[in-house]
C-alpha atoms as a PDB file:
ATOM      1  CA  MET A   1     160.841 161.448  75.360  1.00  0.00           C
ATOM      2  CA  ILE A   2     161.955 164.661  77.056  1.00  0.00           C
ATOM      3  CA  ALA A   3     165.659 165.327  76.570  1.00  0.00           C
ATOM      4  CA  PRO A   4     166.571 167.839  79.281  1.00  0.00           C
ATOM      5  CA  ILE A   5     169.094 170.591  78.587  1.00  0.00           C
ATOM      6  CA  ALA A   6     171.601 170.825  81.432  1.00  0.00           C
ATOM      7  CA  ILE A   7     172.113 174.252  83.000  1.00  0.00           C
ATOM      8  CA  ALA A   8     175.141 174.700  85.244  1.00  0.00           C
ATOM      9  CA  ASP A   9     175.468 178.487  85.258  1.00  0.00           C
ATOM     10  CA  PRO A  10     172.728 180.676  86.816  1.00  0.00           C
ATOM     11  CA  ASP A  11     173.660 183.377  84.301  1.00  0.00           C
ATOM     12  CA  ASP A  12     173.108 181.146  81.272  1.00  0.00           C
ATOM     13  CA  PRO A  13     171.185 183.359  78.784  1.00  0.00           C
ATOM     14  CA  ARG A  14     168.887 180.494  77.832  1.00  0.00           C
ATOM     15  CA  ILE A  15     167.119 180.691  81.182  1.00  0.00           C
ATOM     16  CA  ALA A  16     166.975 184.503  81.415  1.00  0.00           C
ATOM     17  CA  ASP A  17     163.171 184.421  81.758  1.00  0.00           C
ATOM     18  CA  TYR A  18     163.537 182.602  85.086  1.00  0.00           C
ATOM     19  CA  ARG A  19     166.079 184.923  86.651  1.00  0.00           C
ATOM     20  CA  GLY A  20     164.998 186.911  89.734  1.00  0.00           C
ATOM     21  CA  VAL A  21     161.422 185.616  89.722  1.00  0.00           C
ATOM     22  CA  ARG A  22     160.107 187.745  92.591  1.00  0.00           C
ATOM     23  CA  GLU A  23     161.589 190.967  91.223  1.00  0.00           C
ATOM     24  CA  ARG A  24     160.179 190.229  87.788  1.00  0.00           C
ATOM     25  CA  ASP A  25     156.786 189.539  89.359  1.00  0.00           C
ATOM     26  CA  LEU A  26     156.683 193.214  90.288  1.00  0.00           C
ATOM     27  CA  VAL A  27     157.582 194.674  86.907  1.00  0.00           C
ATOM     28  CA  GLY A  28     155.997 192.175  84.549  1.00  0.00           C
ATOM     29  CA  ARG A  29     157.325 189.957  81.788  1.00  0.00           C
ATOM     30  CA  GLU A  30     156.112 191.624  78.602  1.00  0.00           C
ATOM     31  CA  GLY A  31     153.330 189.204  77.760  1.00  0.00           C
ATOM     32  CA  ARG A  32     154.723 186.166  79.558  1.00  0.00           C
ATOM     33  CA  PHE A  33     154.059 184.646  82.982  1.00  0.00           C
ATOM     34  CA  VAL A  34     155.513 182.090  85.388  1.00  0.00           C
ATOM     35  CA  ALA A  35     153.655 178.886  86.216  1.00  0.00           C
ATOM     36  CA  GLU A  36     154.906 177.204  89.389  1.00  0.00           C
ATOM     37  CA  GLY A  37     154.603 173.530  90.266  1.00  0.00           C
ATOM     38  CA  LEU A  38     153.966 170.344  88.330  1.00  0.00           C
ATOM     39  CA  VAL A  39     150.187 170.287  88.880  1.00  0.00           C
ATOM     40  CA  VAL A  40     149.854 173.820  87.512  1.00  0.00           C
ATOM     41  CA  LEU A  41     152.081 173.057  84.516  1.00  0.00           C
ATOM     42  CA  GLU A  42     150.121 169.911  83.762  1.00  0.00           C
ATOM     43  CA  LYS A  43     146.915 171.944  83.602  1.00  0.00           C
ATOM     44  CA  LEU A  44     148.566 174.600  81.456  1.00  0.00           C
ATOM     45  CA  VAL A  45     149.638 171.991  78.891  1.00  0.00           C
ATOM     46  CA  ALA A  46     146.313 170.118  78.952  1.00  0.00           C
ATOM     47  CA  ALA A  47     144.178 173.245  78.572  1.00  0.00           C
ATOM     48  CA  GLY A  48     146.185 174.681  75.705  1.00  0.00           C
ATOM     49  CA  ARG A  49     144.808 178.171  76.321  1.00  0.00           C
ATOM     50  CA  HIS A  50     148.220 179.764  76.778  1.00  0.00           C
ATOM     51  CA  PRO A  51     151.332 178.476  74.983  1.00  0.00           C
ATOM     52  CA  LEU A  52     154.088 177.026  77.180  1.00  0.00           C
ATOM     53  CA  ARG A  53     157.475 178.347  76.068  1.00  0.00           C
ATOM     54  CA  SER A  54     159.886 176.436  78.311  1.00  0.00           C
ATOM     55  CA  VAL A  55     160.270 174.472  81.547  1.00  0.00           C
ATOM     56  CA  LEU A  56     162.952 174.707  84.209  1.00  0.00           C
ATOM     57  CA  ALA A  57     163.180 171.779  86.624  1.00  0.00           C
ATOM     58  CA  ALA A  58     165.469 170.682  89.398  1.00  0.00           C
ATOM     59  CA  GLU A  59     167.371 167.575  88.323  1.00  0.00           C
ATOM     60  CA  HIS A  60     165.507 165.316  90.739  1.00  0.00           C
ATOM     61  CA  ARG A  61     162.172 166.476  89.245  1.00  0.00           C
ATOM     62  CA  VAL A  62     162.939 165.806  85.573  1.00  0.00           C
ATOM     63  CA  ALA A  63     161.542 162.259  85.638  1.00  0.00           C
ATOM     64  CA  ALA A  64     158.259 163.548  87.105  1.00  0.00           C
ATOM     65  CA  VAL A  65     158.120 166.251  84.432  1.00  0.00           C
ATOM     66  CA  ALA A  66     158.581 163.628  81.709  1.00  0.00           C
ATOM     67  CA  GLU A  67     155.807 161.500  83.190  1.00  0.00           C
ATOM     68  CA  ARG A  68     153.253 164.230  83.884  1.00  0.00           C
ATOM     69  CA  LEU A  69     153.885 166.421  80.823  1.00  0.00           C
ATOM     70  CA  ALA A  70     153.738 163.682  78.212  1.00  0.00           C
ATOM     71  CA  GLY A  71     151.743 165.988  75.934  1.00  0.00           C
ATOM     72  CA  LEU A  72     154.461 168.630  75.880  1.00  0.00           C
ATOM     73  CA  ALA A  73     155.356 169.719  72.352  1.00  0.00           C
ATOM     74  CA  ALA A  74     158.787 168.503  71.238  1.00  0.00           C
ATOM     75  CA  GLU A  75     159.954 172.044  70.490  1.00  0.00           C
ATOM     76  CA  VAL A  76     159.412 173.218  74.086  1.00  0.00           C
ATOM     77  CA  PRO A  77     162.813 173.109  75.831  1.00  0.00           C
ATOM     78  CA  VAL A  78     163.071 171.536  79.265  1.00  0.00           C
ATOM     79  CA  TYR A  79     166.029 172.881  81.233  1.00  0.00           C
ATOM     80  CA  ALA A  80     167.447 170.918  84.160  1.00  0.00           C
ATOM     81  CA  ALA A  81     169.634 172.286  86.948  1.00  0.00           C
ATOM     82  CA  SER A  82     170.839 171.186  90.343  1.00  0.00           C
ATOM     83  CA  GLN A  83     168.668 172.444  93.194  1.00  0.00           C
ATOM     84  CA  GLY A  84     171.368 174.935  94.182  1.00  0.00           C
ATOM     85  CA  VAL A  85     171.685 176.362  90.674  1.00  0.00           C
ATOM     86  CA  MET A  86     167.911 176.547  90.300  1.00  0.00           C
ATOM     87  CA  ASP A  87     167.604 178.423  93.596  1.00  0.00           C
ATOM     88  CA  ALA A  88     170.295 180.856  92.422  1.00  0.00           C
ATOM     89  CA  ILE A  89     168.468 181.412  89.141  1.00  0.00           C
ATOM     90  CA  VAL A  90     165.064 182.209  90.635  1.00  0.00           C
ATOM     91  CA  GLY A  91     166.447 184.044  93.678  1.00  0.00           C
ATOM     92  CA  PHE A  92     164.895 181.965  96.482  1.00  0.00           C
ATOM     93  CA  PRO A  93     164.580 178.281  97.503  1.00  0.00           C
ATOM     94  CA  ILE A  94     162.107 176.888  94.998  1.00  0.00           C
ATOM     95  CA  HIS A  95     160.821 173.827  96.862  1.00  0.00           C
ATOM     96  CA  ARG A  96     158.403 172.671  94.163  1.00  0.00           C
ATOM     97  CA  GLY A  97     161.372 172.343  91.836  1.00  0.00           C
ATOM     98  CA  VAL A  98     159.446 173.000  88.611  1.00  0.00           C
ATOM     99  CA  LEU A  99     158.692 176.268  86.791  1.00  0.00           C
ATOM    100  CA  GLY A 100     157.393 177.097  83.348  1.00  0.00           C
ATOM    101  CA  ILE A 101     157.183 180.209  81.225  1.00  0.00           C
ATOM    102  CA  GLY A 102     153.843 180.719  79.507  1.00  0.00           C
ATOM    103  CA  GLU A 103     152.747 183.264  76.951  1.00  0.00           C
ATOM    104  CA  ARG A 104     149.555 185.211  77.511  1.00  0.00           C
ATOM    105  CA  ALA A 105     146.816 184.556  74.958  1.00  0.00           C
ATOM    106  CA  GLU A 106     143.647 186.225  76.214  1.00  0.00           C
ATOM    107  CA  PRO A 107     140.671 187.058  74.002  1.00  0.00           C
ATOM    108  CA  ALA A 108     138.931 190.407  73.967  1.00  0.00           C
ATOM    109  CA  ALA A 109     136.107 190.535  76.497  1.00  0.00           C
ATOM    110  CA  GLU A 110     133.491 191.099  73.799  1.00  0.00           C
ATOM    111  CA  ALA A 111     134.698 188.110  71.786  1.00  0.00           C
ATOM    112  CA  LEU A 112     134.745 185.903  74.883  1.00  0.00           C
ATOM    113  CA  LEU A 113     131.165 186.767  75.821  1.00  0.00           C
ATOM    114  CA  ASP A 114     129.887 186.523  72.259  1.00  0.00           C
ATOM    115  CA  ALA A 115     131.237 182.964  71.995  1.00  0.00           C
ATOM    116  CA  LEU A 116     129.346 181.729  75.065  1.00  0.00           C
ATOM    117  CA  PRO A 117     126.286 179.493  74.676  1.00  0.00           C
ATOM    118  CA  ALA A 118     122.712 180.708  75.093  1.00  0.00           C
ATOM    119  CA  LYS A 119     122.766 179.417  78.678  1.00  0.00           C
ATOM    120  CA  ALA A 120     125.855 180.654  80.471  1.00  0.00           C
ATOM    121  CA  LEU A 121     127.243 181.610  83.862  1.00  0.00           C
ATOM    122  CA  VAL A 122     129.900 184.322  84.131  1.00  0.00           C
ATOM    123  CA  VAL A 123     131.917 185.508  87.118  1.00  0.00           C
ATOM    124  CA  ALA A 124     132.635 189.259  86.957  1.00  0.00           C
ATOM    125  CA  LEU A 125     135.268 190.915  89.152  1.00  0.00           C
ATOM    126  CA  GLN A 126     135.697 194.569  90.044  1.00  0.00           C
ATOM    127  CA  GLY A 127     138.388 196.018  92.310  1.00  0.00           C
ATOM    128  CA  ILE A 128     139.918 192.673  93.348  1.00  0.00           C
ATOM    129  CA  ALA A 129     143.451 193.659  94.357  1.00  0.00           C
ATOM    130  CA  ASN A 130     144.576 190.650  96.426  1.00  0.00           C
ATOM    131  CA  HIS A 131     146.230 187.799  94.526  1.00  0.00           C
ATOM    132  CA  ASP A 132     145.141 185.167  97.054  1.00  0.00           C
ATOM    133  CA  ASN A 133     141.527 186.233  96.560  1.00  0.00           C
ATOM    134  CA  MET A 134     141.969 186.295  92.795  1.00  0.00           C
ATOM    135  CA  GLY A 135     143.284 182.742  92.846  1.00  0.00           C
ATOM    136  CA  GLY A 136     140.461 181.609  95.117  1.00  0.00           C
ATOM    137  CA  LEU A 137     137.855 183.219  92.865  1.00  0.00           C
ATOM    138  CA  PHE A 138     139.195 181.400  89.808  1.00  0.00           C
ATOM    139  CA  ARG A 139     139.365 178.122  91.719  1.00  0.00           C
ATOM    140  CA  ASN A 140     135.699 178.446  92.678  1.00  0.00           C
ATOM    141  CA  ALA A 141     134.698 179.510  89.171  1.00  0.00           C
ATOM    142  CA  ALA A 142     136.250 176.319  87.818  1.00  0.00           C
ATOM    143  CA  ALA A 143     134.841 174.135  90.594  1.00  0.00           C
ATOM    144  CA  PHE A 144     131.257 175.252  89.966  1.00  0.00           C
ATOM    145  CA  GLY A 145     131.371 175.275  86.183  1.00  0.00           C
ATOM    146  CA  ALA A 146     131.397 178.974  85.347  1.00  0.00           C
ATOM    147  CA  ASP A 147     131.745 179.467  81.604  1.00  0.00           C
ATOM    148  CA  ALA A 148     134.012 182.510  81.844  1.00  0.00           C
ATOM    149  CA  VAL A 149     135.494 185.118  84.144  1.00  0.00           C
ATOM    150  CA  LEU A 150     135.411 188.816  83.290  1.00  0.00           C
ATOM    151  CA  VAL A 151     138.137 190.828  85.029  1.00  0.00           C
ATOM    152  CA  GLY A 152     137.843 194.595  85.404  1.00  0.00           C
ATOM    153  CA  ALA A 153     140.810 196.835  84.671  1.00  0.00           C
ATOM    154  CA  ASP A 154     141.074 197.757  88.369  1.00  0.00           C
ATOM    155  CA  CYS A 155     141.787 194.136  89.366  1.00  0.00           C
ATOM    156  CA  CYS A 156     145.133 192.468  89.948  1.00  0.00           C
ATOM    157  CA  ASP A 157     146.496 190.053  87.366  1.00  0.00           C
ATOM    158  CA  PRO A 158     145.023 186.500  87.318  1.00  0.00           C
ATOM    159  CA  LEU A 159     148.274 185.316  85.703  1.00  0.00           C
ATOM    160  CA  TYR A 160     150.475 186.605  88.507  1.00  0.00           C
ATOM    161  CA  ARG A 161     152.484 183.642  89.813  1.00  0.00           C
ATOM    162  CA  LYS A 162     150.805 183.535  93.228  1.00  0.00           C
ATOM    163  CA  ALA A 163     147.292 183.906  91.802  1.00  0.00           C
ATOM    164  CA  ILE A 164     147.902 180.974  89.463  1.00  0.00           C
ATOM    165  CA  ARG A 165     149.268 178.859  92.305  1.00  0.00           C
ATOM    166  CA  VAL A 166     146.351 179.623  94.658  1.00  0.00           C
ATOM    167  CA  SER A 167     143.895 178.862  91.857  1.00  0.00           C
ATOM    168  CA  VAL A 168     145.553 175.427  91.488  1.00  0.00           C
ATOM    169  CA  GLY A 169     145.882 176.168  87.799  1.00  0.00           C
ATOM    170  CA  ALA A 170     142.266 177.250  87.270  1.00  0.00           C
ATOM    171  CA  ALA A 171     143.447 180.667  86.064  1.00  0.00           C
ATOM    172  CA  LEU A 172     145.068 178.805  83.159  1.00  0.00           C
ATOM    173  CA  THR A 173     142.086 176.611  82.302  1.00  0.00           C
ATOM    174  CA  THR A 174     139.065 178.887  82.832  1.00  0.00           C
ATOM    175  CA  PRO A 175     138.377 181.264  79.934  1.00  0.00           C
ATOM    176  CA  PHE A 176     138.825 184.873  81.035  1.00  0.00           C
ATOM    177  CA  ALA A 177     139.339 188.343  79.655  1.00  0.00           C
ATOM    178  CA  ARG A 178     140.398 191.654  81.129  1.00  0.00           C
ATOM    179  CA  THR A 179     138.494 194.752  80.097  1.00  0.00           C
ATOM    180  CA  GLU A 180     138.392 198.485  80.681  1.00  0.00           C
ATOM    181  CA  SER A 181     134.739 198.561  79.678  1.00  0.00           C
ATOM    182  CA  ASP A 182     131.865 198.949  82.130  1.00  0.00           C
ATOM    183  CA  LEU A 183     131.197 195.405  83.341  1.00  0.00           C
ATOM    184  CA  VAL A 184     127.464 195.811  83.906  1.00  0.00           C
ATOM    185  CA  GLU A 185     126.923 197.438  80.535  1.00  0.00           C
ATOM    186  CA  LEU A 186     129.003 194.792  78.778  1.00  0.00           C
ATOM    187  CA  LEU A 187     127.090 191.926  80.383  1.00  0.00           C
ATOM    188  CA  ALA A 188     123.585 193.389  80.300  1.00  0.00           C
ATOM    189  CA  GLY A 189     124.036 194.235  76.632  1.00  0.00           C
ATOM    190  CA  ARG A 190     124.504 190.531  75.934  1.00  0.00           C
ATOM    191  CA  GLY A 191     121.450 189.400  77.840  1.00  0.00           C
ATOM    192  CA  PHE A 192     123.022 188.598  81.208  1.00  0.00           C
ATOM    193  CA  GLU A 193     121.157 189.137  84.443  1.00  0.00           C
ATOM    194  CA  VAL A 194     123.826 190.767  86.624  1.00  0.00           C
ATOM    195  CA  LEU A 195     123.719 189.719  90.284  1.00  0.00           C
ATOM    196  CA  ALA A 196     125.740 192.048  92.510  1.00  0.00           C
ATOM    197  CA  LEU A 197     126.829 190.617  95.843  1.00  0.00           C
ATOM    198  CA  THR A 198     126.554 193.030  98.764  1.00  0.00           C
ATOM    199  CA  PRO A 199     125.672 192.753 102.482  1.00  0.00           C
ATOM    200  CA  GLY A 200     122.807 195.161 101.869  1.00  0.00           C
ATOM    201  CA  GLY A 201     121.323 193.237  98.955  1.00  0.00           C
ATOM    202  CA  THR A 202     117.567 193.350  98.534  1.00  0.00           C
ATOM    203  CA  GLU A 203     117.276 189.582  97.932  1.00  0.00           C
ATOM    204  CA  ARG A 204     118.549 186.624  99.898  1.00  0.00           C
ATOM    205  CA  LEU A 205     120.750 184.205  97.977  1.00  0.00           C
ATOM    206  CA  ALA A 206     118.322 181.369  98.682  1.00  0.00           C
ATOM    207  CA  GLU A 207     115.531 183.322  96.957  1.00  0.00           C
ATOM    208  CA  LEU A 208     117.273 183.430  93.583  1.00  0.00           C
ATOM    209  CA  THR A 209     115.697 181.718  90.623  1.00  0.00           C
ATOM    210  CA  ALA A 210     117.348 180.408  87.479  1.00  0.00           C
ATOM    211  CA  ALA A 211     117.845 182.522  84.370  1.00  0.00           C
ATOM    212  CA  PRO A 212     119.402 181.469  81.053  1.00  0.00           C
ATOM    213  CA  ARG A 213     122.280 183.928  81.373  1.00  0.00           C
ATOM    214  CA  GLN A 214     123.510 185.010  84.785  1.00  0.00           C
ATOM    215  CA  ALA A 215     126.608 186.890  85.901  1.00  0.00           C
ATOM    216  CA  ALA A 216     127.740 187.093  89.523  1.00  0.00           C
ATOM    217  CA  LEU A 217     129.565 190.366  90.179  1.00  0.00           C
ATOM    218  CA  PHE A 218     132.007 190.544  93.095  1.00  0.00           C
ATOM    219  CA  GLY A 219     133.784 193.623  94.455  1.00  0.00           C
ATOM    220  CA  ALA A 220     136.668 194.305  96.792  1.00  0.00           C
ATOM    221  CA  GLU A 221     136.464 193.444 100.464  1.00  0.00           C
ATOM    222  CA  GLY A 222     135.834 196.514 102.582  1.00  0.00           C
ATOM    223  CA  PRO A 223     134.506 199.077 100.121  1.00  0.00           C
ATOM    224  CA  GLY A 224     132.542 196.541  98.099  1.00  0.00           C
ATOM    225  CA  LEU A 225     130.854 197.534  94.866  1.00  0.00           C
ATOM    226  CA  PRO A 226     130.101 201.238  94.258  1.00  0.00           C
ATOM    227  CA  GLU A 227     126.527 202.391  94.767  1.00  0.00           C
ATOM    228  CA  ALA A 228     126.358 203.456  91.120  1.00  0.00           C
ATOM    229  CA  VAL A 229     127.079 199.871  90.110  1.00  0.00           C
ATOM    230  CA  LEU A 230     124.657 198.341  92.619  1.00  0.00           C
ATOM    231  CA  ALA A 231     121.878 200.598  91.353  1.00  0.00           C
ATOM    232  CA  ARG A 232     122.043 198.892  87.952  1.00  0.00           C
ATOM    233  CA  CYS A 233     122.092 195.294  89.219  1.00  0.00           C
ATOM    234  CA  ARG A 234     119.949 192.790  91.028  1.00  0.00           C
ATOM    235  CA  THR A 235     121.516 192.963  94.503  1.00  0.00           C
ATOM    236  CA  VAL A 236     121.918 189.776  96.507  1.00  0.00           C
ATOM    237  CA  ARG A 237     122.997 189.120 100.089  1.00  0.00           C
ATOM    238  CA  ILE A 238     124.077 186.093 102.099  1.00  0.00           C
ATOM    239  CA  PRO A 239     122.334 186.231 105.513  1.00  0.00           C
ATOM    240  CA  MET A 240     124.768 186.069 108.443  1.00  0.00           C
ATOM    241  CA  ALA A 241     124.629 185.963 112.202  1.00  0.00           C
ATOM    242  CA  GLY A 242     123.778 189.196 113.968  1.00  0.00           C
ATOM    243  CA  GLY A 243     126.644 191.618 114.365  1.00  0.00           C
ATOM    244  CA  PHE A 244     128.593 190.222 111.416  1.00  0.00           C
ATOM    245  CA  ASP A 245     128.062 191.360 107.873  1.00  0.00           C
ATOM    246  CA  SER A 246     131.012 190.349 105.711  1.00  0.00           C
ATOM    247  CA  LEU A 247     132.799 187.317 104.289  1.00  0.00           C
ATOM    248  CA  ASN A 248     136.054 186.904 102.439  1.00  0.00           C
ATOM    249  CA  VAL A 249     135.272 187.523  98.770  1.00  0.00           C
ATOM    250  CA  ALA A 250     136.599 184.138  97.663  1.00  0.00           C
ATOM    251  CA  THR A 251     134.469 182.421 100.315  1.00  0.00           C
ATOM    252  CA  THR A 252     131.472 184.435  99.158  1.00  0.00           C
ATOM    253  CA  SER A 253     132.033 183.350  95.582  1.00  0.00           C
ATOM    254  CA  GLY A 254     132.077 179.690  96.576  1.00  0.00           C
ATOM    255  CA  ILE A 255     128.720 179.984  98.348  1.00  0.00           C
ATOM    256  CA  VAL A 256     127.142 181.985  95.536  1.00  0.00           C
ATOM    257  CA  LEU A 257     128.473 179.869  92.667  1.00  0.00           C
ATOM    258  CA  ASN A 258     127.356 176.685  94.392  1.00  0.00           C
ATOM    259  CA  ARG A 259     123.827 178.097  94.532  1.00  0.00           C
ATOM    260  CA  LEU A 260     123.905 179.229  90.898  1.00  0.00           C
ATOM    261  CA  ALA A 261     125.262 175.844  89.801  1.00  0.00           C
ATOM    262  CA  GLU A 262     122.340 174.161  91.579  1.00  0.00           C
ATOM    263  CA  LEU A 263     119.914 176.464  89.798  1.00  0.00           C
ATOM    264  CA  ARG A 264     121.470 175.671  86.431  1.00  0.00           C
ATOM    265  CA  GLY A 265     121.180 171.967  87.117  1.00  0.00           C
ATOM    266  CA  ALA A 266     117.512 172.291  87.975  1.00  0.00           C
ATOM    267  CA  ALA A 267     116.663 174.540  85.010  1.00  0.00           C
END
């Protein structure tokens, strides 16, 4: 049974990690992150990829926390506060009423790729700077069974609070690694066929065939992937109506990963 620890003072040092959430989002948490909402926390606990250090819940949400987080380790403290005190702690009205502090535990990119099976699908991201898109990309990766996500150093953080929320917790359950290495070189060196998505791709998405190891590489909206990167990949396009040549990158990933998942199923 969860025995909540009552918090009456927003300045209580025990909940320092939750203080001024939005301001801390900007400067980082030294290896920790905020998970927002009961659904996200439930996935964090179930996946076990990143340790959960504590939970802060509004008093009226404690019963739901006890029910949904039955697998929570006994040593993880659950703090309970009135809605007003909780709002004062985090710095804004927190309508979901449940937050958790997780600790980052990401593998090295090389180790992540080396542990994948002989048949694998990887999502690779370069220059993704929007947290909504990052969350959407992880959500689609999980939905279509990608084995891992490789995140370039020029991307925003998948464990940023908003990215986690938009991903509906997929950023906490899908194996991923950040790397400063060249993505194409890293993947090709491990036998992956790298498919670069671009409006000017030489092949239509529908023309793709299955391969044991495939990686779908997505770049930022607007500039897209650099020509030097495209030159080393198999370039793929999604045909669109005349006069329109771009899709939101998260939308693109859903279309592409659905096709690759179909190919894997037929292989």
